[in-house]
Structures are given as structure tokens and as C-alpha cells.
Amino acid sequence: MGKLMEIRWHGRGGQGAKTAALLLADVAFGTGMYVQGFPEYGPERMGAPITAYNRISEDPIRVHSNIYDPDFVVVVDETLLDSVGVTKGLKEDGAIVINTAKSKEEIIPKLNGYKGRVYTIDARKISMETLGQYFPNSPMLAAIVKVSGVMDEEVFLDSMRKSYSHKFASRPEVIEGNMKALFLSLQEVN
């Protein structure tokens, strides 16, 4: 990788965008990379738009600010496409990953003329199939790992199993459901 990779997450309070950004930072740190994972705080409440960020590099990170020109954007809630400038500053040699059941062709007109790569994934469907509830953060986390190439997929899955095993030690069904969600998402993001 070598260069600094910057990722901006857009979601709604309670959907896990902040948690996914922090998990990505934790997993990348575990592989020896320098990381930052942080939310932008404001008057957040359940359902309100939120923003979170990641910086990942093989070299020490010297900048400490929000991310204005990200390499990648993750949109956890497609309704934000109508109200938040999710493509603002997004580099055209980067990509945007959107949680939607719609096709790329249906989504592209909502991206304010963005000319870079567009990926979609139905995190709701994957989450319901694997967890029985709507938790889009695991599918979106796997999708951005796949699209960005920030780390090897097997290393990612192994690291996430360890993280989930620690976090959900008393609930093995949650561990397996999340692992299935990650695996499916790596295959289904397009």
C-alpha cells in the first residue's frame, strides 16, 4: 500500500457506521498498519446522519483532522444520497460503496456527477439472512475491505473472527452470523 488511504463513512445513528470504522481501524492495526478511526460528533441521535472516518497507512500518520478528500466513501444508508453530499471531495480514482438493493444504474444519477467506481451491496438482505436482524455494519465493513484492497481478505476474516470472539464470547451464534455476513459480503459486493 505505502500511501495513506482515507475512508469516509456515512450512515445514521444506530446503524453501526462508527463501530465499523473503529473495527476497521482495530483490524488494520493488528496487521501492523498505522491507523485512525473516529466519528465526527455533533447532535447525533438515533436515526440522524453521522459521519465516521478511517486513515490507514504503512507509515506513521501525521494529520489529525476530518477527511475532506477521501479515497473511498461507504454509504450505510442509501436514503442519505438524497440529503447528504456523500461524493463531496471523493477522489475519482477511488470508489463509493453503497448499501442498496437497487442497481448501479439506478443509483448513479443520485451521485452528483461522480465519475469514479461505484459498488453496491444489499447489506439488509445479507444481514437478515445471516443474523436475522438488520445490522448493516458487518456487510459494509467487508465490502470496503474488498473494494479498497486495504488488506488480504483471509487476514481480514481471521482478524474479525478474533475480534468477534472476544466481543461476543458468551454468544457464539452472533459470532457465526457475523462471520457468514462478512464472507457473503466479500462475494456479493459488485
N, C-alpha and C. Protein backbone atom coordinates (compact mmCIF):
# COMPACT_ATOMS: atom_id res chain seq x y z
N MET A 1 0.84 -1.18 0.00
CA MET A 1 0.00 0.00 0.00
C MET A 1 0.88 1.24 0.00
N GLY A 2 1.67 1.46 1.02
CA GLY A 2 2.60 2.59 1.06
C GLY A 2 1.95 3.92 1.35
N LYS A 3 1.02 4.36 0.52
CA LYS A 3 0.44 5.68 0.72
C LYS A 3 -0.70 5.64 1.72
N LEU A 4 -1.06 6.81 2.16
CA LEU A 4 -2.17 6.97 3.09
C LEU A 4 -3.50 6.70 2.39
N MET A 5 -4.34 5.86 2.99
CA MET A 5 -5.69 5.59 2.48
C MET A 5 -6.69 6.24 3.43
N GLU A 6 -7.62 7.01 2.86
CA GLU A 6 -8.62 7.69 3.68
C GLU A 6 -10.02 7.23 3.26
N ILE A 7 -10.83 6.90 4.27
CA ILE A 7 -12.18 6.40 4.05
C ILE A 7 -13.14 7.23 4.87
N ARG A 8 -14.25 7.64 4.25
CA ARG A 8 -15.30 8.37 4.96
C ARG A 8 -16.57 7.51 4.94
N TRP A 9 -17.17 7.38 6.10
CA TRP A 9 -18.39 6.59 6.29
C TRP A 9 -19.57 7.53 6.49
N HIS A 10 -20.69 7.27 5.81
CA HIS A 10 -21.94 7.99 6.03
C HIS A 10 -23.00 6.99 6.44
N GLY A 11 -23.67 7.28 7.54
CA GLY A 11 -24.73 6.40 8.00
C GLY A 11 -25.71 7.18 8.85
N ARG A 12 -26.52 6.48 9.55
CA ARG A 12 -27.46 7.09 10.50
C ARG A 12 -27.16 6.51 11.88
N GLY A 13 -27.39 7.32 12.90
CA GLY A 13 -27.14 6.88 14.26
C GLY A 13 -27.83 5.56 14.54
N GLY A 14 -27.09 4.60 15.04
CA GLY A 14 -27.65 3.29 15.37
C GLY A 14 -27.42 2.22 14.32
N GLN A 15 -26.87 2.60 13.15
CA GLN A 15 -26.64 1.62 12.09
C GLN A 15 -25.26 0.98 12.15
N GLY A 16 -24.39 1.52 12.98
CA GLY A 16 -23.08 0.90 13.17
C GLY A 16 -21.97 1.44 12.30
N ALA A 17 -22.14 2.59 11.64
CA ALA A 17 -21.06 3.16 10.82
C ALA A 17 -19.84 3.48 11.69
N LYS A 18 -20.08 4.08 12.85
CA LYS A 18 -18.98 4.40 13.76
C LYS A 18 -18.29 3.11 14.22
N THR A 19 -19.05 2.12 14.59
CA THR A 19 -18.50 0.84 15.04
C THR A 19 -17.69 0.18 13.93
N ALA A 20 -18.20 0.22 12.70
CA ALA A 20 -17.48 -0.38 11.58
C ALA A 20 -16.15 0.33 11.35
N ALA A 21 -16.15 1.66 11.42
CA ALA A 21 -14.90 2.42 11.24
C ALA A 21 -13.89 2.05 12.33
N LEU A 22 -14.37 1.91 13.56
CA LEU A 22 -13.47 1.55 14.66
C LEU A 22 -12.96 0.11 14.52
N LEU A 23 -13.82 -0.79 14.06
CA LEU A 23 -13.41 -2.18 13.83
C LEU A 23 -12.36 -2.26 12.72
N LEU A 24 -12.56 -1.49 11.64
CA LEU A 24 -11.58 -1.50 10.57
C LEU A 24 -10.23 -0.99 11.07
N ALA A 25 -10.26 0.06 11.87
CA ALA A 25 -9.01 0.57 12.44
C ALA A 25 -8.34 -0.48 13.31
N ASP A 26 -9.13 -1.16 14.13
CA ASP A 26 -8.59 -2.18 15.03
C ASP A 26 -7.96 -3.34 14.25
N VAL A 27 -8.65 -3.81 13.22
CA VAL A 27 -8.16 -4.94 12.43
C VAL A 27 -6.91 -4.53 11.65
N ALA A 28 -6.91 -3.34 11.06
CA ALA A 28 -5.74 -2.86 10.31
C ALA A 28 -4.54 -2.68 11.25
N PHE A 29 -4.80 -2.17 12.45
CA PHE A 29 -3.73 -2.01 13.45
C PHE A 29 -3.11 -3.37 13.79
N GLY A 30 -3.96 -4.38 13.89
CA GLY A 30 -3.50 -5.72 14.20
C GLY A 30 -2.59 -6.32 13.13
N THR A 31 -2.64 -5.76 11.92
CA THR A 31 -1.77 -6.24 10.85
C THR A 31 -0.49 -5.41 10.75
N GLY A 32 -0.32 -4.47 11.70
CA GLY A 32 0.90 -3.68 11.72
C GLY A 32 0.81 -2.32 11.04
N MET A 33 -0.37 -1.96 10.60
CA MET A 33 -0.52 -0.67 9.94
C MET A 33 -0.76 0.44 10.97
N TYR A 34 -0.49 1.65 10.57
CA TYR A 34 -0.84 2.83 11.36
C TYR A 34 -2.28 3.19 11.01
N VAL A 35 -3.06 3.54 12.02
CA VAL A 35 -4.49 3.75 11.76
C VAL A 35 -5.06 4.92 12.56
N GLN A 36 -6.17 5.39 12.06
CA GLN A 36 -7.06 6.28 12.79
C GLN A 36 -8.48 5.83 12.45
N GLY A 37 -9.34 5.81 13.43
CA GLY A 37 -10.75 5.52 13.24
C GLY A 37 -11.51 6.38 14.21
N PHE A 38 -12.35 7.28 13.70
CA PHE A 38 -13.02 8.21 14.59
C PHE A 38 -14.31 8.73 13.98
N PRO A 39 -15.28 9.07 14.82
CA PRO A 39 -16.52 9.67 14.34
C PRO A 39 -16.42 11.19 14.39
N GLU A 40 -17.30 11.84 13.65
CA GLU A 40 -17.45 13.29 13.75
C GLU A 40 -18.66 13.51 14.64
N TYR A 41 -18.43 14.10 15.78
CA TYR A 41 -19.53 14.27 16.72
C TYR A 41 -20.26 15.57 16.50
N GLY A 42 -21.52 15.53 16.71
CA GLY A 42 -22.41 16.68 16.64
C GLY A 42 -23.64 16.30 17.45
N PRO A 43 -24.78 16.79 17.06
CA PRO A 43 -26.00 16.48 17.83
C PRO A 43 -26.62 15.14 17.42
N GLU A 44 -25.79 14.08 17.34
CA GLU A 44 -26.28 12.79 16.87
C GLU A 44 -27.34 12.21 17.80
N ARG A 45 -28.26 11.56 17.17
CA ARG A 45 -29.27 10.80 17.88
C ARG A 45 -29.67 9.65 16.97
N MET A 46 -30.37 8.71 17.50
CA MET A 46 -30.79 7.55 16.72
C MET A 46 -31.48 8.02 15.44
N GLY A 47 -30.96 7.57 14.30
CA GLY A 47 -31.56 7.91 13.01
C GLY A 47 -31.02 9.17 12.35
N ALA A 48 -30.27 9.98 13.06
CA ALA A 48 -29.71 11.20 12.48
C ALA A 48 -28.46 10.86 11.66
N PRO A 49 -28.19 11.62 10.59
CA PRO A 49 -26.98 11.36 9.79
C PRO A 49 -25.71 11.51 10.64
N ILE A 50 -24.79 10.59 10.45
CA ILE A 50 -23.49 10.65 11.15
C ILE A 50 -22.39 10.39 10.13
N THR A 51 -21.19 10.81 10.49
CA THR A 51 -20.01 10.59 9.66
C THR A 51 -18.91 10.00 10.53
N ALA A 52 -18.20 9.04 9.97
CA ALA A 52 -17.05 8.46 10.65
C ALA A 52 -15.92 8.36 9.64
N TYR A 53 -14.70 8.18 10.13
CA TYR A 53 -13.54 8.23 9.26
C TYR A 53 -12.51 7.17 9.60
N ASN A 54 -11.73 6.79 8.58
CA ASN A 54 -10.55 5.94 8.76
C ASN A 54 -9.39 6.52 7.96
N ARG A 55 -8.23 6.47 8.58
CA ARG A 55 -6.97 6.67 7.87
C ARG A 55 -6.14 5.42 8.14
N ILE A 56 -5.56 4.87 7.08
CA ILE A 56 -4.76 3.65 7.21
C ILE A 56 -3.52 3.81 6.35
N SER A 57 -2.36 3.49 6.94
CA SER A 57 -1.11 3.66 6.21
C SER A 57 -0.06 2.71 6.77
N GLU A 58 0.93 2.42 5.93
CA GLU A 58 2.08 1.65 6.40
C GLU A 58 3.09 2.56 7.09
N ASP A 59 2.92 3.87 6.93
CA ASP A 59 3.79 4.86 7.54
C ASP A 59 3.05 5.61 8.64
N PRO A 60 3.76 6.21 9.59
CA PRO A 60 3.08 6.99 10.63
C PRO A 60 2.17 8.06 10.02
N ILE A 61 1.04 8.28 10.65
CA ILE A 61 0.05 9.25 10.18
C ILE A 61 0.24 10.53 10.98
N ARG A 62 0.51 11.61 10.30
CA ARG A 62 0.79 12.88 10.96
C ARG A 62 -0.39 13.84 10.97
N VAL A 63 -1.39 13.61 10.14
CA VAL A 63 -2.53 14.51 10.04
C VAL A 63 -3.61 14.09 11.03
N HIS A 64 -4.25 15.07 11.65
CA HIS A 64 -5.30 14.80 12.64
C HIS A 64 -6.47 15.76 12.40
N SER A 65 -7.27 15.44 11.40
CA SER A 65 -8.43 16.27 11.08
C SER A 65 -9.48 15.36 10.44
N ASN A 66 -10.64 15.94 10.16
CA ASN A 66 -11.64 15.19 9.41
C ASN A 66 -11.06 14.91 8.02
N ILE A 67 -11.73 14.07 7.28
CA ILE A 67 -11.27 13.71 5.93
C ILE A 67 -12.16 14.43 4.92
N TYR A 68 -11.54 15.27 4.12
CA TYR A 68 -12.28 16.09 3.17
C TYR A 68 -12.19 15.57 1.74
N ASP A 69 -11.13 14.85 1.41
CA ASP A 69 -10.92 14.31 0.07
C ASP A 69 -10.61 12.82 0.17
N PRO A 70 -11.63 12.01 0.51
CA PRO A 70 -11.39 10.58 0.75
C PRO A 70 -11.08 9.81 -0.52
N ASP A 71 -10.37 8.71 -0.33
CA ASP A 71 -10.14 7.76 -1.41
C ASP A 71 -11.38 6.90 -1.62
N PHE A 72 -12.08 6.63 -0.52
CA PHE A 72 -13.26 5.77 -0.56
C PHE A 72 -14.35 6.35 0.33
N VAL A 73 -15.59 6.13 -0.08
CA VAL A 73 -16.75 6.51 0.73
C VAL A 73 -17.63 5.28 0.89
N VAL A 74 -18.14 5.08 2.10
CA VAL A 74 -19.08 4.00 2.39
C VAL A 74 -20.39 4.66 2.80
N VAL A 75 -21.48 4.29 2.12
CA VAL A 75 -22.80 4.82 2.45
C VAL A 75 -23.62 3.67 3.02
N VAL A 76 -23.84 3.72 4.32
CA VAL A 76 -24.54 2.64 5.02
C VAL A 76 -26.05 2.74 4.83
N ASP A 77 -26.56 3.93 4.56
CA ASP A 77 -28.00 4.14 4.37
C ASP A 77 -28.22 4.92 3.08
N GLU A 78 -28.80 4.26 2.08
CA GLU A 78 -28.95 4.90 0.77
C GLU A 78 -29.86 6.12 0.79
N THR A 79 -30.70 6.29 1.81
CA THR A 79 -31.55 7.49 1.85
C THR A 79 -30.72 8.75 2.03
N LEU A 80 -29.48 8.61 2.48
CA LEU A 80 -28.60 9.76 2.63
C LEU A 80 -28.19 10.34 1.28
N LEU A 81 -28.31 9.56 0.22
CA LEU A 81 -27.96 10.05 -1.11
C LEU A 81 -28.80 11.26 -1.50
N ASP A 82 -30.00 11.36 -0.93
CA ASP A 82 -30.91 12.46 -1.25
C ASP A 82 -30.68 13.70 -0.38
N SER A 83 -29.92 13.55 0.72
CA SER A 83 -29.82 14.68 1.65
C SER A 83 -28.39 15.06 2.06
N VAL A 84 -27.42 14.21 1.80
CA VAL A 84 -26.04 14.47 2.21
C VAL A 84 -25.15 14.39 0.98
N GLY A 85 -24.20 15.27 0.86
CA GLY A 85 -23.27 15.26 -0.26
C GLY A 85 -22.21 14.19 -0.08
N VAL A 86 -22.59 12.94 -0.24
CA VAL A 86 -21.68 11.83 0.06
C VAL A 86 -20.48 11.77 -0.88
N THR A 87 -20.60 12.33 -2.08
CA THR A 87 -19.48 12.29 -3.02
C THR A 87 -18.58 13.52 -2.92
N LYS A 88 -18.90 14.45 -2.05
CA LYS A 88 -18.10 15.67 -1.93
C LYS A 88 -16.64 15.32 -1.61
N GLY A 89 -15.74 15.78 -2.46
CA GLY A 89 -14.31 15.56 -2.26
C GLY A 89 -13.82 14.16 -2.62
N LEU A 90 -14.72 13.25 -2.95
CA LEU A 90 -14.33 11.86 -3.25
C LEU A 90 -13.47 11.82 -4.51
N LYS A 91 -12.30 11.23 -4.38
CA LYS A 91 -11.36 11.14 -5.50
C LYS A 91 -11.93 10.23 -6.58
N GLU A 92 -11.79 10.65 -7.83
CA GLU A 92 -12.33 9.85 -8.92
C GLU A 92 -11.56 8.57 -9.16
N ASP A 93 -10.33 8.47 -8.64
CA ASP A 93 -9.60 7.20 -8.76
C ASP A 93 -9.88 6.31 -7.55
N GLY A 94 -10.81 6.73 -6.71
CA GLY A 94 -11.25 5.93 -5.57
C GLY A 94 -12.54 5.22 -5.92
N ALA A 95 -13.43 5.11 -4.94
CA ALA A 95 -14.70 4.42 -5.18
C ALA A 95 -15.68 4.74 -4.07
N ILE A 96 -16.96 4.51 -4.37
CA ILE A 96 -18.02 4.63 -3.38
C ILE A 96 -18.72 3.28 -3.28
N VAL A 97 -19.04 2.88 -2.06
CA VAL A 97 -19.74 1.61 -1.80
C VAL A 97 -21.06 1.97 -1.12
N ILE A 98 -22.17 1.53 -1.71
CA ILE A 98 -23.49 1.92 -1.22
C ILE A 98 -24.31 0.70 -0.85
N ASN A 99 -24.93 0.76 0.32
CA ASN A 99 -25.85 -0.27 0.78
C ASN A 99 -27.20 -0.02 0.11
N THR A 100 -27.54 -0.87 -0.85
CA THR A 100 -28.80 -0.72 -1.56
C THR A 100 -29.18 -2.02 -2.25
N ALA A 101 -30.47 -2.21 -2.44
CA ALA A 101 -30.95 -3.34 -3.24
C ALA A 101 -31.08 -2.92 -4.70
N LYS A 102 -30.88 -1.64 -4.99
CA LYS A 102 -31.01 -1.12 -6.35
C LYS A 102 -29.75 -1.42 -7.16
N SER A 103 -29.90 -1.31 -8.47
CA SER A 103 -28.75 -1.50 -9.36
C SER A 103 -27.89 -0.24 -9.39
N LYS A 104 -26.67 -0.39 -9.85
CA LYS A 104 -25.79 0.77 -10.01
C LYS A 104 -26.43 1.82 -10.91
N GLU A 105 -27.08 1.35 -11.97
CA GLU A 105 -27.70 2.26 -12.92
C GLU A 105 -28.77 3.13 -12.27
N GLU A 106 -29.46 2.59 -11.28
CA GLU A 106 -30.48 3.37 -10.55
C GLU A 106 -29.84 4.35 -9.57
N ILE A 107 -28.68 4.02 -9.06
CA ILE A 107 -28.00 4.82 -8.04
C ILE A 107 -27.16 5.95 -8.63
N ILE A 108 -26.50 5.71 -9.73
CA ILE A 108 -25.56 6.68 -10.30
C ILE A 108 -26.16 8.08 -10.48
N PRO A 109 -27.41 8.24 -10.92
CA PRO A 109 -27.95 9.60 -11.06
C PRO A 109 -28.02 10.38 -9.74
N LYS A 110 -27.95 9.71 -8.62
CA LYS A 110 -28.00 10.37 -7.31
C LYS A 110 -26.61 10.77 -6.80
N LEU A 111 -25.56 10.54 -7.58
CA LEU A 111 -24.20 10.74 -7.11
C LEU A 111 -23.56 12.04 -7.59
N ASN A 112 -24.38 13.00 -7.94
CA ASN A 112 -23.91 14.35 -8.29
C ASN A 112 -22.80 14.37 -9.33
N GLY A 113 -22.90 13.51 -10.33
CA GLY A 113 -21.94 13.51 -11.41
C GLY A 113 -20.64 12.79 -11.11
N TYR A 114 -20.55 12.08 -10.00
CA TYR A 114 -19.32 11.35 -9.66
C TYR A 114 -18.97 10.38 -10.77
N LYS A 115 -17.72 10.41 -11.22
CA LYS A 115 -17.28 9.61 -12.37
C LYS A 115 -16.43 8.39 -11.98
N GLY A 116 -16.17 8.21 -10.70
CA GLY A 116 -15.35 7.09 -10.26
C GLY A 116 -16.13 5.79 -10.19
N ARG A 117 -15.50 4.79 -9.58
CA ARG A 117 -16.11 3.47 -9.46
C ARG A 117 -17.24 3.49 -8.43
N VAL A 118 -18.31 2.78 -8.76
CA VAL A 118 -19.48 2.68 -7.88
C VAL A 118 -19.74 1.20 -7.62
N TYR A 119 -19.85 0.85 -6.34
CA TYR A 119 -20.14 -0.52 -5.94
C TYR A 119 -21.41 -0.53 -5.09
N THR A 120 -22.18 -1.59 -5.24
CA THR A 120 -23.38 -1.73 -4.43
C THR A 120 -23.37 -3.08 -3.73
N ILE A 121 -24.07 -3.11 -2.61
CA ILE A 121 -24.25 -4.35 -1.87
C ILE A 121 -25.56 -4.24 -1.09
N ASP A 122 -26.31 -5.31 -1.04
CA ASP A 122 -27.57 -5.31 -0.29
C ASP A 122 -27.27 -5.83 1.12
N ALA A 123 -26.80 -4.91 1.97
CA ALA A 123 -26.43 -5.29 3.34
C ALA A 123 -27.65 -5.70 4.16
N ARG A 124 -28.81 -5.16 3.82
CA ARG A 124 -30.04 -5.56 4.55
C ARG A 124 -30.31 -7.04 4.30
N LYS A 125 -30.29 -7.45 3.05
CA LYS A 125 -30.57 -8.85 2.71
C LYS A 125 -29.55 -9.78 3.39
N ILE A 126 -28.28 -9.44 3.28
CA ILE A 126 -27.23 -10.27 3.88
C ILE A 126 -27.39 -10.34 5.39
N SER A 127 -27.64 -9.21 6.00
CA SER A 127 -27.81 -9.15 7.45
C SER A 127 -29.00 -9.98 7.91
N MET A 128 -30.11 -9.85 7.22
CA MET A 128 -31.31 -10.61 7.61
C MET A 128 -31.08 -12.12 7.43
N GLU A 129 -30.39 -12.51 6.35
CA GLU A 129 -30.11 -13.93 6.10
C GLU A 129 -29.17 -14.53 7.14
N THR A 130 -28.19 -13.77 7.57
CA THR A 130 -27.14 -14.33 8.42
C THR A 130 -27.33 -14.05 9.91
N LEU A 131 -27.98 -12.92 10.22
CA LEU A 131 -28.14 -12.52 11.62
C LEU A 131 -29.60 -12.50 12.09
N GLY A 132 -30.52 -12.52 11.14
CA GLY A 132 -31.94 -12.48 11.49
C GLY A 132 -32.41 -11.10 11.89
N GLN A 133 -31.54 -10.10 11.81
CA GLN A 133 -31.87 -8.72 12.14
C GLN A 133 -31.08 -7.81 11.22
N TYR A 134 -31.46 -6.55 11.18
CA TYR A 134 -30.79 -5.60 10.29
C TYR A 134 -29.65 -4.90 11.02
N PHE A 135 -28.45 -5.40 10.78
CA PHE A 135 -27.20 -4.80 11.26
C PHE A 135 -26.29 -4.66 10.04
N PRO A 136 -26.32 -3.51 9.36
CA PRO A 136 -25.58 -3.37 8.11
C PRO A 136 -24.08 -3.19 8.26
N ASN A 137 -23.58 -2.97 9.46
CA ASN A 137 -22.16 -2.62 9.59
C ASN A 137 -21.21 -3.75 9.20
N SER A 138 -21.48 -4.98 9.56
CA SER A 138 -20.57 -6.08 9.17
C SER A 138 -20.51 -6.24 7.65
N PRO A 139 -21.65 -6.29 6.95
CA PRO A 139 -21.57 -6.39 5.49
C PRO A 139 -20.85 -5.20 4.86
N MET A 140 -21.08 -4.00 5.35
CA MET A 140 -20.44 -2.82 4.77
C MET A 140 -18.94 -2.81 5.06
N LEU A 141 -18.56 -3.30 6.22
CA LEU A 141 -17.14 -3.39 6.57
C LEU A 141 -16.42 -4.33 5.60
N ALA A 142 -17.01 -5.51 5.36
CA ALA A 142 -16.40 -6.45 4.42
C ALA A 142 -16.36 -5.86 3.01
N ALA A 143 -17.40 -5.15 2.63
CA ALA A 143 -17.46 -4.57 1.29
C ALA A 143 -16.33 -3.57 1.07
N ILE A 144 -16.06 -2.71 2.05
CA ILE A 144 -15.00 -1.72 1.86
C ILE A 144 -13.62 -2.38 1.89
N VAL A 145 -13.46 -3.42 2.65
CA VAL A 145 -12.18 -4.15 2.63
C VAL A 145 -11.95 -4.73 1.23
N LYS A 146 -12.98 -5.31 0.64
CA LYS A 146 -12.87 -5.89 -0.70
C LYS A 146 -12.58 -4.82 -1.74
N VAL A 147 -13.34 -3.74 -1.73
CA VAL A 147 -13.22 -2.69 -2.74
C VAL A 147 -11.90 -1.94 -2.62
N SER A 148 -11.49 -1.65 -1.40
CA SER A 148 -10.27 -0.85 -1.19
C SER A 148 -8.99 -1.67 -1.31
N GLY A 149 -9.08 -2.98 -1.04
CA GLY A 149 -7.90 -3.81 -1.03
C GLY A 149 -6.95 -3.47 0.11
N VAL A 150 -7.51 -2.88 1.17
CA VAL A 150 -6.69 -2.41 2.29
C VAL A 150 -5.92 -3.54 2.97
N MET A 151 -6.45 -4.76 2.88
CA MET A 151 -5.75 -5.91 3.46
C MET A 151 -6.23 -7.18 2.78
N ASP A 152 -5.47 -8.22 2.93
CA ASP A 152 -5.82 -9.53 2.40
C ASP A 152 -7.12 -10.00 3.04
N GLU A 153 -8.01 -10.56 2.23
CA GLU A 153 -9.32 -10.97 2.73
C GLU A 153 -9.23 -12.05 3.81
N GLU A 154 -8.31 -13.00 3.66
CA GLU A 154 -8.16 -14.06 4.66
C GLU A 154 -7.66 -13.49 5.99
N VAL A 155 -6.72 -12.55 5.92
CA VAL A 155 -6.22 -11.89 7.13
C VAL A 155 -7.37 -11.14 7.79
N PHE A 156 -8.17 -10.45 6.98
CA PHE A 156 -9.33 -9.71 7.49
C PHE A 156 -10.30 -10.66 8.20
N LEU A 157 -10.67 -11.74 7.55
CA LEU A 157 -11.63 -12.68 8.15
C LEU A 157 -11.09 -13.28 9.45
N ASP A 158 -9.83 -13.65 9.45
CA ASP A 158 -9.21 -14.21 10.65
C ASP A 158 -9.21 -13.18 11.79
N SER A 159 -8.85 -11.96 11.47
CA SER A 159 -8.82 -10.89 12.48
C SER A 159 -10.22 -10.59 13.01
N MET A 160 -11.20 -10.60 12.12
CA MET A 160 -12.57 -10.32 12.55
C MET A 160 -13.11 -11.45 13.42
N ARG A 161 -12.76 -12.70 13.11
CA ARG A 161 -13.19 -13.81 13.97
C ARG A 161 -12.66 -13.62 15.38
N LYS A 162 -11.38 -13.23 15.49
CA LYS A 162 -10.79 -12.99 16.81
C LYS A 162 -11.50 -11.84 17.52
N SER A 163 -11.78 -10.78 16.79
CA SER A 163 -12.46 -9.61 17.38
C SER A 163 -13.86 -9.99 17.86
N TYR A 164 -14.62 -10.67 17.01
CA TYR A 164 -15.98 -11.08 17.39
C TYR A 164 -15.94 -12.08 18.54
N SER A 165 -14.97 -12.98 18.53
CA SER A 165 -14.87 -13.98 19.60
C SER A 165 -14.63 -13.32 20.95
N HIS A 166 -13.88 -12.25 20.94
CA HIS A 166 -13.65 -11.50 22.18
C HIS A 166 -14.91 -10.73 22.59
N LYS A 167 -15.50 -10.04 21.63
CA LYS A 167 -16.65 -9.18 21.92
C LYS A 167 -17.90 -9.99 22.29
N PHE A 168 -18.12 -11.12 21.61
CA PHE A 168 -19.33 -11.91 21.80
C PHE A 168 -19.01 -13.29 22.37
N ALA A 169 -18.09 -13.37 23.30
CA ALA A 169 -17.64 -14.66 23.85
C ALA A 169 -18.79 -15.51 24.37
N SER A 170 -19.80 -14.90 24.94
CA SER A 170 -20.91 -15.67 25.52
C SER A 170 -22.04 -15.91 24.51
N ARG A 171 -21.86 -15.46 23.26
CA ARG A 171 -22.93 -15.60 22.26
C ARG A 171 -22.35 -16.12 20.94
N PRO A 172 -21.97 -17.41 20.89
CA PRO A 172 -21.33 -17.94 19.69
C PRO A 172 -22.18 -17.82 18.42
N GLU A 173 -23.51 -17.82 18.56
CA GLU A 173 -24.37 -17.68 17.37
C GLU A 173 -24.18 -16.31 16.71
N VAL A 174 -23.88 -15.30 17.50
CA VAL A 174 -23.63 -13.96 16.96
C VAL A 174 -22.31 -13.95 16.19
N ILE A 175 -21.33 -14.65 16.73
CA ILE A 175 -20.02 -14.75 16.06
C ILE A 175 -20.20 -15.38 14.69
N GLU A 176 -20.85 -16.53 14.65
CA GLU A 176 -21.02 -17.25 13.38
C GLU A 176 -21.87 -16.46 12.39
N GLY A 177 -22.92 -15.80 12.87
CA GLY A 177 -23.76 -14.99 11.99
C GLY A 177 -22.99 -13.85 11.36
N ASN A 178 -22.18 -13.18 12.17
CA ASN A 178 -21.37 -12.08 11.65
C ASN A 178 -20.30 -12.58 10.68
N MET A 179 -19.71 -13.71 10.96
CA MET A 179 -18.70 -14.26 10.05
C MET A 179 -19.33 -14.63 8.71
N LYS A 180 -20.54 -15.20 8.74
CA LYS A 180 -21.24 -15.51 7.49
C LYS A 180 -21.56 -14.23 6.73
N ALA A 181 -21.94 -13.18 7.45
CA ALA A 181 -22.24 -11.89 6.82
C ALA A 181 -21.00 -11.34 6.13
N LEU A 182 -19.86 -11.41 6.80
CA LEU A 182 -18.61 -10.93 6.20
C LEU A 182 -18.27 -11.72 4.94
N PHE A 183 -18.34 -13.03 5.05
CA PHE A 183 -17.97 -13.90 3.92
C PHE A 183 -18.88 -13.64 2.72
N LEU A 184 -20.19 -13.60 2.94
CA LEU A 184 -21.13 -13.33 1.86
C LEU A 184 -20.90 -11.97 1.23
N SER A 185 -20.62 -10.99 2.05
CA SER A 185 -20.41 -9.63 1.56
C SER A 185 -19.17 -9.54 0.67
N LEU A 186 -18.11 -10.23 1.05
CA LEU A 186 -16.91 -10.25 0.21
C LEU A 186 -17.21 -10.80 -1.18
N GLN A 187 -18.16 -11.72 -1.25
CA GLN A 187 -18.52 -12.33 -2.54
C GLN A 187 -19.54 -11.48 -3.31
N GLU A 188 -20.43 -10.80 -2.60
CA GLU A 188 -21.56 -10.16 -3.27
C GLU A 188 -21.39 -8.70 -3.63
N VAL A 189 -20.40 -8.01 -3.08
CA VAL A 189 -20.23 -6.61 -3.44
C VAL A 189 -19.89 -6.53 -4.93
N ASN A 190 -20.58 -5.65 -5.65
CA ASN A 190 -20.31 -5.55 -7.10
C ASN A 190 -20.46 -4.13 -7.60
